[in-house]
Amino acid sequence: MGSTEPEKDEFSTFMKGLFLGGFLGALAGILFAPKAGKELRDEIKGKGDEAFGEAKRIYAESRTKAKDVLDEAKRRADQLRREADLRLTEARRKVSEILAGAEEEARKVMESEKTSWEEPRQELKSQGEETPGAVIPDKAKG
């Protein structure tokens, strides 16, 4: 995961300040120390090489730290994804259990209702009585 804009701006500002300060310090040292032309050129080259080496070292350290942060973020994201998958699987299992229980309860209620209507229905049939307007539930509709 990348840095936020303020962090990038702070790092960029730091790097600019580092290089500017190094450059100005080297320039001040050169200007205030009288030396011969060859000696001055060698010193300028040496200071430039030092500054370049320091910049390479800082870049390498920053790159290593950024890679470490990125690797840790990836590891944590993978861990969170695995945890979420486990919780989702568990939730699905629980939902299946609840639905199975509800289906069983519904089946029991339907069986109970069929049985509770069957006895009065049979009794009316056996007596041969027909009650005008009476509706006797049909077993097939249940």
Protein backbone atom coordinates (compact mmCIF):
# COMPACT_ATOMS: atom_id res chain seq x y z
CA MET A 1 0.00 0.00 0.00
CA GLY A 2 1.47 3.37 -0.96
CA SER A 3 2.33 6.42 1.09
CA THR A 4 -0.14 9.18 1.44
CA GLU A 5 0.45 12.51 -0.31
CA PRO A 6 1.53 14.38 2.87
CA GLU A 7 4.14 11.68 3.57
CA LYS A 8 5.48 11.92 0.01
CA ASP A 9 5.62 15.72 0.27
CA GLU A 10 7.48 15.53 3.60
CA PHE A 11 10.00 13.02 2.22
CA SER A 12 10.48 15.07 -0.96
CA THR A 13 11.00 18.24 1.07
CA PHE A 14 13.48 16.43 3.33
CA MET A 15 15.46 15.12 0.35
CA LYS A 16 15.56 18.56 -1.28
CA GLY A 17 16.77 20.11 1.97
CA LEU A 18 19.38 17.41 2.42
CA PHE A 19 20.84 17.93 -1.03
CA LEU A 20 20.62 21.72 -0.90
CA GLY A 21 22.29 21.79 2.52
CA GLY A 22 25.05 19.47 1.37
CA PHE A 23 25.63 21.50 -1.77
CA LEU A 24 25.70 24.84 0.06
CA GLY A 25 28.01 23.46 2.74
CA ALA A 26 30.41 22.12 0.15
CA LEU A 27 30.28 25.39 -1.80
CA ALA A 28 30.92 27.46 1.34
CA GLY A 29 33.87 25.26 2.25
CA ILE A 30 35.34 25.63 -1.20
CA LEU A 31 34.83 29.38 -1.38
CA PHE A 32 36.35 30.12 2.02
CA ALA A 33 39.41 27.90 1.68
CA PRO A 34 41.96 29.24 -0.82
CA LYS A 35 43.59 26.43 -2.78
CA ALA A 36 45.35 25.85 -6.06
CA GLY A 37 43.22 25.09 -9.19
CA LYS A 38 44.01 21.34 -9.42
CA GLU A 39 43.62 20.89 -5.68
CA LEU A 40 40.29 22.78 -5.77
CA ARG A 41 38.99 20.68 -8.69
CA ASP A 42 39.97 17.46 -6.89
CA GLU A 43 38.24 18.61 -3.74
CA ILE A 44 35.09 19.58 -5.69
CA LYS A 45 35.11 16.18 -7.37
CA GLY A 46 35.61 14.43 -4.02
CA LYS A 47 32.77 16.36 -2.40
CA GLY A 48 30.53 15.61 -5.39
CA ASP A 49 31.39 11.91 -5.13
CA GLU A 50 30.65 11.99 -1.39
CA ALA A 51 27.29 13.67 -1.97
CA PHE A 52 26.42 11.21 -4.73
CA GLY A 53 27.44 8.26 -2.54
CA GLU A 54 25.35 9.57 0.35
CA ALA A 55 22.37 10.06 -1.97
CA LYS A 56 22.74 6.48 -3.25
CA ARG A 57 22.93 5.17 0.34
CA ILE A 58 19.81 7.11 1.38
CA TYR A 59 17.98 5.91 -1.73
CA ALA A 60 18.93 2.28 -1.02
CA GLU A 61 17.82 2.57 2.62
CA SER A 62 14.53 4.21 1.62
CA ARG A 63 13.90 1.57 -1.00
CA THR A 64 14.58 -1.24 1.49
CA LYS A 65 12.29 0.32 4.08
CA ALA A 66 9.54 0.86 1.51
CA LYS A 67 9.84 -2.77 0.38
CA ASP A 68 9.64 -3.97 3.99
CA VAL A 69 6.52 -1.86 4.60
CA LEU A 70 4.94 -3.14 1.40
CA ASP A 71 5.75 -6.76 2.26
CA GLU A 72 4.25 -6.35 5.72
CA ALA A 73 1.11 -4.75 4.26
CA LYS A 74 0.72 -7.64 1.80
CA ARG A 75 1.23 -10.19 4.57
CA ARG A 76 -1.36 -8.49 6.75
CA ALA A 77 -3.83 -8.20 3.85
CA ASP A 78 -3.45 -11.94 3.15
CA GLN A 79 -3.99 -12.71 6.82
CA LEU A 80 -7.13 -10.55 6.94
CA ARG A 81 -8.46 -12.18 3.76
CA ARG A 82 -7.95 -15.66 5.24
CA GLU A 83 -9.71 -14.63 8.45
CA ALA A 84 -12.61 -13.15 6.47
CA ASP A 85 -12.89 -16.35 4.39
CA LEU A 86 -13.03 -18.44 7.57
CA ARG A 87 -15.71 -16.25 9.10
CA LEU A 88 -17.73 -16.28 5.90
CA THR A 89 -17.54 -20.06 5.72
CA GLU A 90 -18.65 -20.33 9.34
CA ALA A 91 -21.54 -17.91 8.74
CA ARG A 92 -22.68 -19.91 5.72
CA ARG A 93 -22.59 -23.11 7.77
CA LYS A 94 -24.69 -21.53 10.51
CA VAL A 95 -27.22 -20.18 8.01
CA SER A 96 -27.52 -23.66 6.48
CA GLU A 97 -28.15 -25.15 9.92
CA ILE A 98 -30.78 -22.52 10.73
CA LEU A 99 -32.54 -23.05 7.40
CA ALA A 100 -32.50 -26.82 7.84
CA GLY A 101 -34.02 -26.42 11.31
CA ALA A 102 -36.69 -24.04 9.99
CA GLU A 103 -37.59 -26.45 7.20
CA GLU A 104 -37.93 -29.28 9.71
CA GLU A 105 -40.16 -27.15 11.95
CA ALA A 106 -42.31 -26.14 8.97
CA ARG A 107 -42.68 -29.80 7.97
CA LYS A 108 -43.74 -30.71 11.52
CA VAL A 109 -46.34 -27.92 11.61
CA MET A 110 -47.77 -29.01 8.25
CA GLU A 111 -47.98 -32.62 9.41
CA SER A 112 -49.66 -31.49 12.63
CA GLU A 113 -52.24 -29.48 10.69
CA LYS A 114 -52.99 -32.35 8.33
CA THR A 115 -53.55 -34.65 11.27
CA SER A 116 -55.74 -32.18 13.14
CA TRP A 117 -58.14 -31.87 10.15
CA GLU A 118 -58.15 -35.54 9.27
CA GLU A 119 -60.11 -36.75 12.32
CA PRO A 120 -63.11 -34.33 11.96
CA ARG A 121 -63.15 -34.96 8.22
CA GLN A 122 -63.36 -38.71 8.71
CA GLU A 123 -66.03 -38.33 11.36
CA LEU A 124 -68.24 -36.25 9.08
CA LYS A 125 -67.80 -38.74 6.25
CA SER A 126 -68.63 -41.68 8.47
CA GLN A 127 -71.83 -40.04 9.69
CA GLY A 128 -72.76 -39.27 6.12
CA GLU A 129 -73.65 -35.80 7.13
CA GLU A 130 -73.23 -32.93 4.83
CA THR A 131 -73.36 -29.53 6.35
CA PRO A 132 -74.57 -26.90 3.88
CA GLY A 133 -71.81 -24.42 3.13
CA ALA A 134 -69.25 -26.39 5.15
CA VAL A 135 -65.88 -26.68 3.57
CA ILE A 136 -63.92 -29.77 4.45
CA PRO A 137 -60.27 -29.40 3.58
CA ASP A 138 -59.10 -31.89 1.04
CA LYS A 139 -56.09 -33.94 2.03
CA ALA A 140 -54.51 -33.32 -1.40
CA LYS A 141 -54.54 -29.55 -0.87
CA GLY A 142 -52.68 -29.72 2.48
